[in-house]
Amino acid sequence: MRSFALAIIVFLASVQTAQAGAWLREEGSGFTSSTSSITQEREPSGSVYFEYGLREKATLGLDVSFGLDRTGAQSGSGTVFLRFPWGPTDGNHKWAWHVGLGGRYLNGLISPAIETGASWGRGIQIGERYGWAAIDGSINFAAASAETRAKLDTTIGLGFTDHFKGMAQMFMTYQESELFTKLAPSLLIQPGKGTYTLQIGAELPVTGGGSSALKIGIWRDF
């Protein structure tokens, strides 16, 4: 119960989390999102994500994640990054790249880290419904105390109505010579004018072990 309460507190205290992508933010506009998850073993984790359009071709971002396992071991990472377009921005296919600085955290030990990555995305149509597809890849190089981490995230989203969308994500992480893969289906609910989005979903381990988790998040455009 203490772990469950911690997950709820983290969810309520964090600012509204989303995902990185190839679509840059318009100058002066931004996006925030936060998610909290708890596994079957009552292990809480969470993330906070922020993007802001500094100018037409530069987006500033912050990506923070953290977790607590059943033994009490704490871990997390944080990166401040800049994203730039890669090629033309007016085509159907969107490309971008990013570079960032941050660190990794494990049981009180902080390791500086640098990160770089690339993203692809485009709008899609299935029947009369519209949505999006995206692939985001990154490599995070940390100091000797932390392993290099490579990530590849795939997202497909589809609008059902003006207020309901479905999203399926596959998260792949390669670290410590092992591949961890998770499938993450979500329902996105946009009440009112759609400034806020409620995310309700799950994370299901495919490879590398781990436990299934319930995920709740809030997104906000501003």
N, C-alpha and C. Protein backbone atom coordinates (compact mmCIF):
# COMPACT_ATOMS: atom_id res chain seq x y z
N MET A 1 0.82 -1.21 0.00
CA MET A 1 0.00 0.00 0.00
C MET A 1 0.85 1.26 0.00
N ARG A 2 2.02 1.23 0.70
CA ARG A 2 2.88 2.41 0.71
C ARG A 2 3.40 2.70 -0.69
N SER A 3 3.75 1.64 -1.45
CA SER A 3 4.23 1.84 -2.82
C SER A 3 3.13 2.41 -3.71
N PHE A 4 1.91 1.91 -3.52
CA PHE A 4 0.79 2.42 -4.31
C PHE A 4 0.55 3.89 -4.00
N ALA A 5 0.61 4.24 -2.70
CA ALA A 5 0.41 5.64 -2.32
C ALA A 5 1.49 6.53 -2.89
N LEU A 6 2.75 6.03 -2.89
CA LEU A 6 3.85 6.80 -3.46
C LEU A 6 3.61 7.07 -4.94
N ALA A 7 3.12 6.07 -5.67
CA ALA A 7 2.86 6.25 -7.09
C ALA A 7 1.80 7.33 -7.32
N ILE A 8 0.75 7.33 -6.49
CA ILE A 8 -0.31 8.33 -6.63
C ILE A 8 0.23 9.72 -6.31
N ILE A 9 1.05 9.83 -5.27
CA ILE A 9 1.63 11.13 -4.91
C ILE A 9 2.50 11.66 -6.03
N VAL A 10 3.35 10.79 -6.60
CA VAL A 10 4.20 11.19 -7.71
C VAL A 10 3.35 11.69 -8.88
N PHE A 11 2.25 10.99 -9.15
CA PHE A 11 1.38 11.36 -10.27
C PHE A 11 0.77 12.74 -10.04
N LEU A 12 0.29 13.00 -8.83
CA LEU A 12 -0.37 14.27 -8.57
C LEU A 12 0.62 15.42 -8.47
N ALA A 13 1.84 15.13 -8.02
CA ALA A 13 2.81 16.20 -7.81
C ALA A 13 3.52 16.62 -9.08
N SER A 14 3.65 15.71 -10.03
CA SER A 14 4.41 16.03 -11.24
C SER A 14 3.60 16.90 -12.18
N VAL A 15 4.32 17.67 -12.99
CA VAL A 15 3.63 18.49 -13.97
C VAL A 15 3.02 17.61 -15.03
N GLN A 16 2.07 18.19 -15.75
CA GLN A 16 1.40 17.40 -16.78
C GLN A 16 2.37 16.83 -17.77
N THR A 17 3.15 14.69 -19.09
CA THR A 17 4.38 14.08 -19.66
C THR A 17 4.14 13.66 -21.06
N ALA A 18 4.77 13.77 -22.01
CA ALA A 18 4.48 13.17 -23.29
C ALA A 18 5.67 12.52 -23.87
N GLN A 19 5.61 12.34 -25.09
CA GLN A 19 6.64 11.61 -25.75
C GLN A 19 7.37 12.50 -26.73
N ALA A 20 8.61 12.16 -26.98
CA ALA A 20 9.38 12.88 -27.98
C ALA A 20 8.86 12.54 -29.35
N GLY A 21 9.22 13.33 -30.35
CA GLY A 21 8.77 13.03 -31.69
C GLY A 21 9.45 13.91 -32.71
N ALA A 22 9.11 13.65 -33.97
CA ALA A 22 9.73 14.39 -35.06
C ALA A 22 9.06 15.72 -35.32
N TRP A 23 7.90 15.96 -34.70
CA TRP A 23 7.20 17.23 -34.89
C TRP A 23 7.73 18.26 -33.89
N LEU A 24 8.36 19.31 -34.39
CA LEU A 24 8.86 20.35 -33.52
C LEU A 24 7.71 21.23 -33.05
N ARG A 25 7.88 21.84 -31.88
CA ARG A 25 6.86 22.74 -31.35
C ARG A 25 6.93 24.09 -32.05
N GLU A 26 5.77 24.71 -32.27
CA GLU A 26 5.75 26.06 -32.81
C GLU A 26 6.39 27.02 -31.81
N GLU A 27 7.00 28.06 -32.33
CA GLU A 27 7.67 29.03 -31.47
C GLU A 27 6.70 29.59 -30.44
N GLY A 28 7.08 29.55 -29.17
CA GLY A 28 6.26 30.08 -28.10
C GLY A 28 5.21 29.12 -27.57
N SER A 29 5.09 27.93 -28.13
CA SER A 29 4.12 26.94 -27.65
C SER A 29 4.85 25.78 -26.99
N GLY A 30 4.13 25.00 -26.22
CA GLY A 30 4.80 23.92 -25.52
C GLY A 30 3.88 22.76 -25.18
N PHE A 31 4.46 21.78 -24.54
CA PHE A 31 3.76 20.55 -24.18
C PHE A 31 4.40 19.99 -22.92
N THR A 32 3.58 19.53 -22.00
CA THR A 32 4.08 18.84 -20.82
C THR A 32 3.27 17.57 -20.61
N SER A 33 3.89 16.60 -20.02
CA SER A 33 3.16 15.39 -19.67
C SER A 33 3.85 14.71 -18.51
N SER A 34 3.07 13.95 -17.76
CA SER A 34 3.63 13.14 -16.69
C SER A 34 2.89 11.82 -16.64
N THR A 35 3.59 10.77 -16.32
CA THR A 35 2.98 9.46 -16.16
C THR A 35 3.46 8.82 -14.88
N SER A 36 2.60 8.00 -14.30
CA SER A 36 2.96 7.18 -13.16
C SER A 36 2.54 5.75 -13.45
N SER A 37 3.38 4.81 -13.06
CA SER A 37 3.10 3.40 -13.26
C SER A 37 3.33 2.64 -11.97
N ILE A 38 2.61 1.54 -11.83
CA ILE A 38 2.85 0.66 -10.69
C ILE A 38 2.69 -0.78 -11.16
N THR A 39 3.64 -1.64 -10.82
CA THR A 39 3.63 -3.01 -11.29
C THR A 39 2.78 -3.90 -10.38
N GLN A 40 2.65 -5.16 -10.79
CA GLN A 40 1.95 -6.14 -9.97
C GLN A 40 2.63 -6.34 -8.62
N GLU A 41 3.94 -6.09 -8.57
CA GLU A 41 4.69 -6.21 -7.31
C GLU A 41 4.71 -4.90 -6.53
N ARG A 42 3.87 -3.94 -6.96
CA ARG A 42 3.75 -2.64 -6.29
C ARG A 42 5.05 -1.85 -6.34
N GLU A 43 5.72 -1.91 -7.49
CA GLU A 43 6.92 -1.12 -7.72
C GLU A 43 6.53 0.13 -8.50
N PRO A 44 6.64 1.32 -7.90
CA PRO A 44 6.22 2.55 -8.59
C PRO A 44 7.33 3.11 -9.48
N SER A 45 6.93 3.78 -10.54
CA SER A 45 7.86 4.51 -11.39
C SER A 45 7.09 5.66 -12.03
N GLY A 46 7.82 6.60 -12.60
CA GLY A 46 7.16 7.74 -13.23
C GLY A 46 8.09 8.46 -14.18
N SER A 47 7.51 9.38 -14.93
CA SER A 47 8.31 10.17 -15.86
C SER A 47 7.67 11.54 -16.02
N VAL A 48 8.51 12.51 -16.35
CA VAL A 48 8.07 13.87 -16.64
C VAL A 48 8.73 14.30 -17.94
N TYR A 49 7.94 14.88 -18.83
CA TYR A 49 8.45 15.29 -20.13
C TYR A 49 7.95 16.69 -20.45
N PHE A 50 8.83 17.51 -21.07
CA PHE A 50 8.51 18.91 -21.36
C PHE A 50 9.13 19.30 -22.69
N GLU A 51 8.38 20.03 -23.50
CA GLU A 51 8.89 20.59 -24.75
C GLU A 51 8.43 22.03 -24.88
N TYR A 52 9.30 22.87 -25.45
CA TYR A 52 8.94 24.28 -25.69
C TYR A 52 9.61 24.76 -26.96
N GLY A 53 8.86 25.41 -27.83
CA GLY A 53 9.40 25.91 -29.08
C GLY A 53 10.18 27.19 -28.89
N LEU A 54 11.51 27.09 -28.91
CA LEU A 54 12.35 28.28 -28.78
C LEU A 54 12.24 29.17 -30.01
N ARG A 55 12.25 28.53 -31.17
CA ARG A 55 12.05 29.23 -32.43
C ARG A 55 11.53 28.21 -33.44
N GLU A 56 11.34 28.62 -34.67
CA GLU A 56 10.70 27.76 -35.66
C GLU A 56 11.42 26.43 -35.83
N LYS A 57 12.74 26.44 -35.78
CA LYS A 57 13.50 25.23 -36.04
C LYS A 57 14.34 24.78 -34.84
N ALA A 58 13.87 25.05 -33.64
CA ALA A 58 14.58 24.60 -32.44
C ALA A 58 13.58 24.41 -31.30
N THR A 59 13.54 23.21 -30.75
CA THR A 59 12.67 22.89 -29.62
C THR A 59 13.51 22.49 -28.43
N LEU A 60 13.26 23.10 -27.29
CA LEU A 60 13.93 22.77 -26.03
C LEU A 60 13.11 21.72 -25.30
N GLY A 61 13.78 20.72 -24.71
CA GLY A 61 13.05 19.67 -24.02
C GLY A 61 13.72 19.19 -22.76
N LEU A 62 12.93 18.53 -21.92
CA LEU A 62 13.39 17.92 -20.68
C LEU A 62 12.72 16.56 -20.56
N ASP A 63 13.50 15.53 -20.29
CA ASP A 63 12.99 14.17 -20.17
C ASP A 63 13.55 13.56 -18.89
N VAL A 64 12.67 13.27 -17.92
CA VAL A 64 13.09 12.74 -16.63
C VAL A 64 12.29 11.48 -16.32
N SER A 65 12.97 10.45 -15.84
CA SER A 65 12.29 9.22 -15.41
C SER A 65 12.90 8.72 -14.12
N PHE A 66 12.13 7.95 -13.35
CA PHE A 66 12.60 7.47 -12.05
C PHE A 66 11.81 6.22 -11.68
N GLY A 67 12.38 5.42 -10.79
CA GLY A 67 11.70 4.20 -10.37
C GLY A 67 12.21 3.70 -9.04
N LEU A 68 11.43 2.82 -8.43
CA LEU A 68 11.75 2.23 -7.13
C LEU A 68 11.35 0.76 -7.19
N ASP A 69 12.32 -0.17 -6.96
CA ASP A 69 11.95 -1.58 -7.04
C ASP A 69 11.60 -2.12 -5.66
N ARG A 70 11.25 -3.40 -5.63
CA ARG A 70 10.73 -3.99 -4.39
C ARG A 70 11.76 -4.04 -3.27
N THR A 71 13.06 -3.96 -3.62
CA THR A 71 14.11 -3.97 -2.60
C THR A 71 14.41 -2.57 -2.07
N GLY A 72 13.78 -1.56 -2.65
CA GLY A 72 14.05 -0.19 -2.24
C GLY A 72 15.10 0.50 -3.06
N ALA A 73 15.67 -0.18 -4.05
CA ALA A 73 16.68 0.42 -4.91
C ALA A 73 16.04 1.49 -5.80
N GLN A 74 16.68 2.66 -5.85
CA GLN A 74 16.18 3.78 -6.63
C GLN A 74 17.02 3.97 -7.90
N SER A 75 16.35 4.33 -8.98
CA SER A 75 17.06 4.58 -10.23
C SER A 75 16.32 5.66 -11.00
N GLY A 76 17.04 6.29 -11.92
CA GLY A 76 16.41 7.33 -12.73
C GLY A 76 17.39 7.93 -13.71
N SER A 77 16.86 8.79 -14.57
CA SER A 77 17.70 9.51 -15.52
C SER A 77 17.02 10.82 -15.88
N GLY A 78 17.81 11.77 -16.34
CA GLY A 78 17.28 13.06 -16.76
C GLY A 78 18.14 13.65 -17.87
N THR A 79 17.48 14.25 -18.86
CA THR A 79 18.20 14.83 -20.00
C THR A 79 17.55 16.13 -20.41
N VAL A 80 18.34 17.18 -20.56
CA VAL A 80 17.91 18.43 -21.18
C VAL A 80 18.42 18.40 -22.61
N PHE A 81 17.55 18.64 -23.59
CA PHE A 81 17.96 18.46 -24.97
C PHE A 81 17.43 19.57 -25.87
N LEU A 82 18.04 19.67 -27.04
CA LEU A 82 17.57 20.54 -28.11
C LEU A 82 17.27 19.67 -29.32
N ARG A 83 16.10 19.90 -29.95
CA ARG A 83 15.71 19.15 -31.13
C ARG A 83 15.67 20.07 -32.34
N PHE A 84 16.18 19.58 -33.47
CA PHE A 84 16.24 20.35 -34.70
C PHE A 84 15.66 19.52 -35.85
N PRO A 85 15.10 20.18 -36.85
CA PRO A 85 14.58 19.42 -38.00
C PRO A 85 15.72 18.81 -38.80
N TRP A 86 15.42 17.72 -39.44
CA TRP A 86 16.38 17.03 -40.29
C TRP A 86 15.76 16.94 -41.68
N GLY A 87 16.12 17.89 -42.51
CA GLY A 87 15.53 17.95 -43.84
C GLY A 87 14.31 18.85 -43.88
N PRO A 88 13.53 18.83 -44.97
CA PRO A 88 12.37 19.70 -45.13
C PRO A 88 11.31 19.44 -44.05
N THR A 89 10.60 20.49 -43.66
CA THR A 89 9.58 20.37 -42.62
C THR A 89 8.17 20.39 -43.16
N ASP A 90 8.01 20.56 -44.48
CA ASP A 90 6.67 20.69 -45.05
C ASP A 90 6.20 19.43 -45.77
N GLY A 91 6.94 18.34 -45.66
CA GLY A 91 6.54 17.10 -46.32
C GLY A 91 5.68 16.22 -45.42
N ASN A 92 5.19 15.12 -45.97
CA ASN A 92 4.39 14.18 -45.19
C ASN A 92 5.24 13.48 -44.13
N HIS A 93 6.48 13.21 -44.46
CA HIS A 93 7.39 12.55 -43.52
C HIS A 93 8.18 13.62 -42.76
N LYS A 94 8.15 13.52 -41.44
CA LYS A 94 8.87 14.46 -40.58
C LYS A 94 10.10 13.77 -40.00
N TRP A 95 11.24 14.46 -40.08
CA TRP A 95 12.48 13.95 -39.51
C TRP A 95 13.08 14.99 -38.58
N ALA A 96 13.68 14.54 -37.49
CA ALA A 96 14.34 15.46 -36.56
C ALA A 96 15.47 14.72 -35.86
N TRP A 97 16.39 15.50 -35.29
CA TRP A 97 17.46 14.93 -34.48
C TRP A 97 17.61 15.77 -33.23
N HIS A 98 18.18 15.17 -32.19
CA HIS A 98 18.35 15.91 -30.94
C HIS A 98 19.69 15.56 -30.30
N VAL A 99 20.14 16.46 -29.44
CA VAL A 99 21.34 16.25 -28.65
C VAL A 99 21.06 16.80 -27.26
N GLY A 100 21.55 16.11 -26.22
CA GLY A 100 21.24 16.55 -24.87
C GLY A 100 22.31 16.19 -23.86
N LEU A 101 22.21 16.82 -22.70
CA LEU A 101 23.10 16.58 -21.56
C LEU A 101 22.25 16.23 -20.35
N GLY A 102 22.77 15.35 -19.51
CA GLY A 102 22.03 14.98 -18.31
C GLY A 102 22.81 14.03 -17.44
N GLY A 103 22.11 13.09 -16.86
CA GLY A 103 22.77 12.14 -15.98
C GLY A 103 21.88 10.95 -15.67
N ARG A 104 22.49 9.94 -15.07
CA ARG A 104 21.79 8.75 -14.60
C ARG A 104 21.97 8.63 -13.10
N TYR A 105 20.97 8.06 -12.45
CA TYR A 105 20.98 7.96 -10.99
C TYR A 105 20.72 6.52 -10.58
N LEU A 106 21.54 6.02 -9.66
CA LEU A 106 21.32 4.68 -9.12
C LEU A 106 21.79 4.64 -7.68
N ASN A 107 20.82 4.54 -6.75
CA ASN A 107 21.11 4.42 -5.32
C ASN A 107 22.10 5.46 -4.81
N GLY A 108 21.85 6.71 -5.14
CA GLY A 108 22.67 7.80 -4.62
C GLY A 108 23.86 8.18 -5.47
N LEU A 109 24.18 7.38 -6.49
CA LEU A 109 25.32 7.66 -7.36
C LEU A 109 24.82 8.27 -8.66
N ILE A 110 25.33 9.46 -8.99
CA ILE A 110 24.93 10.16 -10.21
C ILE A 110 26.06 10.09 -11.22
N SER A 111 25.75 9.66 -12.44
CA SER A 111 26.74 9.56 -13.52
C SER A 111 26.36 10.55 -14.62
N PRO A 112 27.25 11.49 -14.97
CA PRO A 112 26.95 12.41 -16.09
C PRO A 112 26.74 11.62 -17.38
N ALA A 113 25.92 12.17 -18.27
CA ALA A 113 25.62 11.47 -19.51
C ALA A 113 25.34 12.46 -20.63
N ILE A 114 25.61 12.03 -21.85
CA ILE A 114 25.23 12.79 -23.03
C ILE A 114 24.36 11.88 -23.89
N GLU A 115 23.48 12.51 -24.68
CA GLU A 115 22.54 11.72 -25.49
C GLU A 115 22.38 12.34 -26.86
N THR A 116 22.19 11.49 -27.85
CA THR A 116 21.84 11.95 -29.18
C THR A 116 20.85 10.97 -29.78
N GLY A 117 20.06 11.44 -30.74
CA GLY A 117 19.06 10.55 -31.31
C GLY A 117 18.37 11.17 -32.50
N ALA A 118 17.52 10.39 -33.14
CA ALA A 118 16.78 10.83 -34.31
C ALA A 118 15.36 10.32 -34.23
N SER A 119 14.43 11.04 -34.90
CA SER A 119 13.01 10.69 -34.87
C SER A 119 12.41 10.81 -36.26
N TRP A 120 11.42 9.95 -36.52
CA TRP A 120 10.64 10.01 -37.75
C TRP A 120 9.16 9.95 -37.39
N GLY A 121 8.34 10.66 -38.15
CA GLY A 121 6.90 10.60 -37.91
C GLY A 121 6.13 11.05 -39.13
N ARG A 122 4.86 10.64 -39.18
CA ARG A 122 3.99 11.07 -40.25
C ARG A 122 2.53 10.82 -39.84
N GLY A 123 1.62 11.55 -40.45
CA GLY A 123 0.21 11.30 -40.23
C GLY A 123 -0.23 10.09 -41.03
N ILE A 124 -1.24 9.38 -40.53
CA ILE A 124 -1.75 8.20 -41.21
C ILE A 124 -3.28 8.26 -41.27
N GLN A 125 -3.86 7.48 -42.17
CA GLN A 125 -5.30 7.38 -42.30
C GLN A 125 -5.67 5.92 -42.48
N ILE A 126 -6.62 5.45 -41.65
CA ILE A 126 -7.14 4.09 -41.75
C ILE A 126 -8.65 4.21 -41.89
N GLY A 127 -9.14 3.96 -43.08
CA GLY A 127 -10.56 4.18 -43.33
C GLY A 127 -10.88 5.66 -43.23
N GLU A 128 -11.82 6.00 -42.39
CA GLU A 128 -12.19 7.40 -42.18
C GLU A 128 -11.56 7.98 -40.92
N ARG A 129 -10.66 7.23 -40.32
CA ARG A 129 -10.02 7.69 -39.08
C ARG A 129 -8.59 8.14 -39.36
N TYR A 130 -8.17 9.18 -38.64
CA TYR A 130 -6.84 9.75 -38.82
C TYR A 130 -6.00 9.51 -37.56
N GLY A 131 -4.71 9.41 -37.76
CA GLY A 131 -3.83 9.19 -36.63
C GLY A 131 -2.39 9.54 -36.98
N TRP A 132 -1.45 8.91 -36.31
CA TRP A 132 -0.04 9.22 -36.52
C TRP A 132 0.81 7.98 -36.24
N ALA A 133 2.00 7.98 -36.83
CA ALA A 133 2.99 6.93 -36.58
C ALA A 133 4.33 7.60 -36.33
N ALA A 134 5.12 7.06 -35.42
CA ALA A 134 6.40 7.67 -35.08
C ALA A 134 7.38 6.61 -34.63
N ILE A 135 8.66 6.85 -34.92
CA ILE A 135 9.76 6.03 -34.43
C ILE A 135 10.81 6.96 -33.84
N ASP A 136 11.19 6.72 -32.59
CA ASP A 136 12.16 7.56 -31.89
C ASP A 136 13.30 6.70 -31.39
N GLY A 137 14.53 7.05 -31.80
CA GLY A 137 15.70 6.31 -31.37
C GLY A 137 16.70 7.21 -30.67
N SER A 138 17.42 6.68 -29.70
CA SER A 138 18.42 7.48 -28.98
C SER A 138 19.50 6.57 -28.42
N ILE A 139 20.68 7.16 -28.21
CA ILE A 139 21.79 6.50 -27.53
C ILE A 139 22.26 7.42 -26.41
N ASN A 140 22.32 6.88 -25.21
CA ASN A 140 22.71 7.64 -24.03
C ASN A 140 24.04 7.10 -23.52
N PHE A 141 25.07 7.96 -23.58
CA PHE A 141 26.42 7.58 -23.14
C PHE A 141 26.66 8.15 -21.74
N ALA A 142 26.87 7.27 -20.77
CA ALA A 142 27.09 7.70 -19.40
C ALA A 142 28.52 7.43 -18.98
N ALA A 143 28.89 7.95 -17.80
CA ALA A 143 30.23 7.71 -17.25
C ALA A 143 30.42 6.22 -16.97
N ALA A 144 31.63 5.84 -16.58
CA ALA A 144 31.99 4.43 -16.45
C ALA A 144 31.08 3.67 -15.50
N SER A 145 30.48 4.36 -14.52
CA SER A 145 29.64 3.66 -13.54
C SER A 145 28.29 3.25 -14.10
N ALA A 146 27.93 3.71 -15.30
CA ALA A 146 26.64 3.37 -15.91
C ALA A 146 26.86 2.89 -17.33
N GLU A 147 26.07 1.90 -17.74
CA GLU A 147 26.21 1.33 -19.06
C GLU A 147 25.61 2.25 -20.13
N THR A 148 26.19 2.20 -21.34
CA THR A 148 25.58 2.88 -22.48
C THR A 148 24.20 2.28 -22.73
N ARG A 149 23.22 3.14 -23.01
CA ARG A 149 21.85 2.70 -23.19
C ARG A 149 21.33 3.13 -24.55
N ALA A 150 20.79 2.19 -25.31
CA ALA A 150 20.18 2.48 -26.61
C ALA A 150 18.68 2.20 -26.52
N LYS A 151 17.88 3.13 -27.08
CA LYS A 151 16.44 2.97 -27.02
C LYS A 151 15.83 3.15 -28.40
N LEU A 152 14.78 2.40 -28.68
CA LEU A 152 14.01 2.54 -29.90
C LEU A 152 12.54 2.38 -29.54
N ASP A 153 11.77 3.46 -29.71
CA ASP A 153 10.36 3.48 -29.35
C ASP A 153 9.51 3.66 -30.61
N THR A 154 8.50 2.84 -30.77
CA THR A 154 7.59 2.92 -31.90
C THR A 154 6.18 3.23 -31.40
N THR A 155 5.51 4.17 -32.07
CA THR A 155 4.18 4.60 -31.65
C THR A 155 3.24 4.64 -32.84
N ILE A 156 2.03 4.11 -32.65
CA ILE A 156 0.95 4.25 -33.62
C ILE A 156 -0.29 4.72 -32.87
N GLY A 157 -0.87 5.83 -33.29
CA GLY A 157 -2.07 6.36 -32.66
C GLY A 157 -3.17 6.56 -33.67
N LEU A 158 -4.42 6.43 -33.22
CA LEU A 158 -5.56 6.56 -34.12
C LEU A 158 -6.72 7.19 -33.37
N GLY A 159 -7.35 8.20 -33.99
CA GLY A 159 -8.49 8.84 -33.38
C GLY A 159 -9.78 8.08 -33.64
N PHE A 160 -10.54 7.80 -32.58
CA PHE A 160 -11.84 7.14 -32.71
C PHE A 160 -12.96 8.17 -32.84
N THR A 161 -12.90 9.20 -31.98
CA THR A 161 -13.83 10.33 -32.02
C THR A 161 -13.04 11.59 -31.74
N ASP A 162 -13.72 12.73 -31.61
CA ASP A 162 -13.03 13.98 -31.29
C ASP A 162 -12.41 13.95 -29.90
N HIS A 163 -12.88 13.06 -29.03
CA HIS A 163 -12.42 13.05 -27.64
C HIS A 163 -11.74 11.76 -27.22
N PHE A 164 -11.70 10.77 -28.09
CA PHE A 164 -11.09 9.49 -27.72
C PHE A 164 -10.11 9.04 -28.81
N LYS A 165 -8.91 8.63 -28.37
CA LYS A 165 -7.90 8.11 -29.28
C LYS A 165 -7.31 6.84 -28.67
N GLY A 166 -6.85 5.96 -29.53
CA GLY A 166 -6.12 4.78 -29.08
C GLY A 166 -4.66 4.90 -29.47
N MET A 167 -3.77 4.35 -28.66
CA MET A 167 -2.34 4.43 -28.94
C MET A 167 -1.68 3.12 -28.54
N ALA A 168 -0.84 2.60 -29.43
CA ALA A 168 -0.05 1.41 -29.13
C ALA A 168 1.42 1.76 -29.28
N GLN A 169 2.22 1.42 -28.28
CA GLN A 169 3.65 1.73 -28.29
C GLN A 169 4.46 0.48 -28.00
N MET A 170 5.63 0.40 -28.60
CA MET A 170 6.60 -0.65 -28.31
C MET A 170 7.89 0.02 -27.87
N PHE A 171 8.32 -0.27 -26.64
CA PHE A 171 9.54 0.31 -26.09
C PHE A 171 10.63 -0.76 -26.09
N MET A 172 11.75 -0.46 -26.74
CA MET A 172 12.89 -1.39 -26.78
C MET A 172 14.11 -0.68 -26.19
N THR A 173 14.74 -1.32 -25.20
CA THR A 173 15.92 -0.76 -24.54
C THR A 173 17.02 -1.81 -24.51
N TYR A 174 18.20 -1.43 -24.98
CA TYR A 174 19.35 -2.33 -24.95
C TYR A 174 20.37 -1.77 -23.96
N GLN A 175 20.61 -2.51 -22.89
CA GLN A 175 21.53 -2.06 -21.85
C GLN A 175 22.09 -3.27 -21.13
N GLU A 176 23.35 -3.19 -20.75
CA GLU A 176 24.02 -4.28 -20.04
C GLU A 176 23.92 -5.58 -20.82
N SER A 177 24.10 -5.49 -22.16
CA SER A 177 24.11 -6.66 -23.07
C SER A 177 22.80 -7.42 -23.07
N GLU A 178 21.70 -6.74 -22.75
CA GLU A 178 20.40 -7.40 -22.72
C GLU A 178 19.35 -6.48 -23.34
N LEU A 179 18.40 -7.09 -24.05
CA LEU A 179 17.33 -6.35 -24.70
C LEU A 179 16.06 -6.46 -23.88
N PHE A 180 15.49 -5.30 -23.53
CA PHE A 180 14.24 -5.24 -22.80
C PHE A 180 13.17 -4.65 -23.73
N THR A 181 12.07 -5.35 -23.88
CA THR A 181 11.00 -4.90 -24.76
C THR A 181 9.68 -4.89 -24.01
N LYS A 182 8.92 -3.81 -24.19
CA LYS A 182 7.61 -3.69 -23.56
C LYS A 182 6.58 -3.23 -24.59
N LEU A 183 5.38 -3.78 -24.50
CA LEU A 183 4.24 -3.33 -25.29
C LEU A 183 3.36 -2.48 -24.40
N ALA A 184 2.95 -1.30 -24.90
CA ALA A 184 2.21 -0.36 -24.06
C ALA A 184 0.99 0.19 -24.81
N PRO A 185 -0.17 -0.46 -24.65
CA PRO A 185 -1.41 0.09 -25.22
C PRO A 185 -2.01 1.13 -24.28
N SER A 186 -2.62 2.17 -24.86
CA SER A 186 -3.21 3.24 -24.04
C SER A 186 -4.49 3.76 -24.69
N LEU A 187 -5.39 4.28 -23.85
CA LEU A 187 -6.55 5.04 -24.28
C LEU A 187 -6.31 6.49 -23.91
N LEU A 188 -6.50 7.41 -24.87
CA LEU A 188 -6.30 8.83 -24.65
C LEU A 188 -7.66 9.52 -24.66
N ILE A 189 -7.95 10.24 -23.60
CA ILE A 189 -9.25 10.90 -23.45
C ILE A 189 -9.02 12.40 -23.39
N GLN A 190 -9.69 13.15 -24.28
CA GLN A 190 -9.55 14.60 -24.35
C GLN A 190 -10.89 15.26 -24.02
N PRO A 191 -11.10 15.65 -22.77
CA PRO A 191 -12.35 16.31 -22.41
C PRO A 191 -12.35 17.77 -22.88
N GLY A 192 -13.52 18.35 -23.02
CA GLY A 192 -13.62 19.77 -23.35
C GLY A 192 -12.97 20.10 -24.67
N LYS A 193 -12.17 21.18 -24.68
CA LYS A 193 -11.54 21.68 -25.90
C LYS A 193 -10.24 20.95 -26.25
N GLY A 194 -9.84 20.00 -25.44
CA GLY A 194 -8.68 19.19 -25.79
C GLY A 194 -7.35 19.74 -25.34
N THR A 195 -7.33 20.74 -24.44
CA THR A 195 -6.06 21.24 -23.92
C THR A 195 -5.35 20.19 -23.07
N TYR A 196 -6.14 19.43 -22.32
CA TYR A 196 -5.61 18.34 -21.50
C TYR A 196 -6.00 17.00 -22.10
N THR A 197 -5.14 16.01 -21.91
CA THR A 197 -5.40 14.65 -22.34
C THR A 197 -5.10 13.70 -21.20
N LEU A 198 -6.03 12.83 -20.88
CA LEU A 198 -5.83 11.80 -19.86
C LEU A 198 -5.42 10.51 -20.55
N GLN A 199 -4.34 9.91 -20.09
CA GLN A 199 -3.84 8.65 -20.62
C GLN A 199 -4.06 7.54 -19.61
N ILE A 200 -4.72 6.47 -20.04
CA ILE A 200 -4.91 5.28 -19.20
C ILE A 200 -4.40 4.09 -19.99
N GLY A 201 -3.43 3.38 -19.45
CA GLY A 201 -2.86 2.29 -20.23
C GLY A 201 -2.14 1.27 -19.37
N ALA A 202 -1.35 0.45 -20.03
CA ALA A 202 -0.61 -0.61 -19.36
C ALA A 202 0.73 -0.80 -20.06
N GLU A 203 1.67 -1.41 -19.35
CA GLU A 203 2.96 -1.82 -19.92
C GLU A 203 3.11 -3.31 -19.70
N LEU A 204 3.32 -4.04 -20.80
CA LEU A 204 3.38 -5.50 -20.75
C LEU A 204 4.75 -5.97 -21.23
N PRO A 205 5.55 -6.62 -20.39
CA PRO A 205 6.88 -7.06 -20.80
C PRO A 205 6.80 -8.14 -21.87
N VAL A 206 7.68 -8.03 -22.88
CA VAL A 206 7.76 -9.01 -23.96
C VAL A 206 9.05 -9.80 -23.88
N THR A 207 10.18 -9.09 -23.74
CA THR A 207 11.47 -9.74 -23.56
C THR A 207 12.23 -9.04 -22.45
N GLY A 208 13.17 -9.76 -21.83
CA GLY A 208 14.02 -9.17 -20.81
C GLY A 208 13.47 -9.22 -19.41
N GLY A 209 12.31 -9.82 -19.21
CA GLY A 209 11.74 -9.91 -17.88
C GLY A 209 11.00 -8.65 -17.47
N GLY A 210 10.71 -8.56 -16.19
CA GLY A 210 9.93 -7.44 -15.67
C GLY A 210 8.49 -7.86 -15.42
N SER A 211 7.70 -6.92 -14.90
CA SER A 211 6.32 -7.19 -14.54
C SER A 211 5.38 -6.26 -15.29
N SER A 212 4.16 -6.71 -15.47
CA SER A 212 3.14 -5.85 -16.07
C SER A 212 2.83 -4.69 -15.14
N ALA A 213 2.45 -3.55 -15.73
CA ALA A 213 2.22 -2.35 -14.92
C ALA A 213 1.01 -1.60 -15.44
N LEU A 214 0.32 -0.93 -14.53
CA LEU A 214 -0.75 0.00 -14.86
C LEU A 214 -0.16 1.40 -14.99
N LYS A 215 -0.58 2.13 -16.02
CA LYS A 215 -0.02 3.46 -16.29
C LYS A 215 -1.13 4.50 -16.35
N ILE A 216 -0.91 5.64 -15.71
CA ILE A 216 -1.83 6.78 -15.77
C ILE A 216 -1.02 8.03 -16.06
N GLY A 217 -1.50 8.86 -16.95
CA GLY A 217 -0.77 10.08 -17.30
C GLY A 217 -1.68 11.23 -17.66
N ILE A 218 -1.13 12.42 -17.63
CA ILE A 218 -1.83 13.63 -18.06
C ILE A 218 -0.92 14.38 -19.01
N TRP A 219 -1.46 14.78 -20.17
CA TRP A 219 -0.75 15.59 -21.14
C TRP A 219 -1.40 16.97 -21.19
N ARG A 220 -0.62 17.96 -21.51
CA ARG A 220 -1.16 19.32 -21.65
C ARG A 220 -0.42 20.09 -22.72
N ASP A 221 -1.17 20.72 -23.62
CA ASP A 221 -0.62 21.64 -24.60
C ASP A 221 -0.83 23.07 -24.14
N PHE A 222 0.14 23.93 -24.37
CA PHE A 222 -0.03 25.34 -23.95
C PHE A 222 0.64 26.26 -24.95
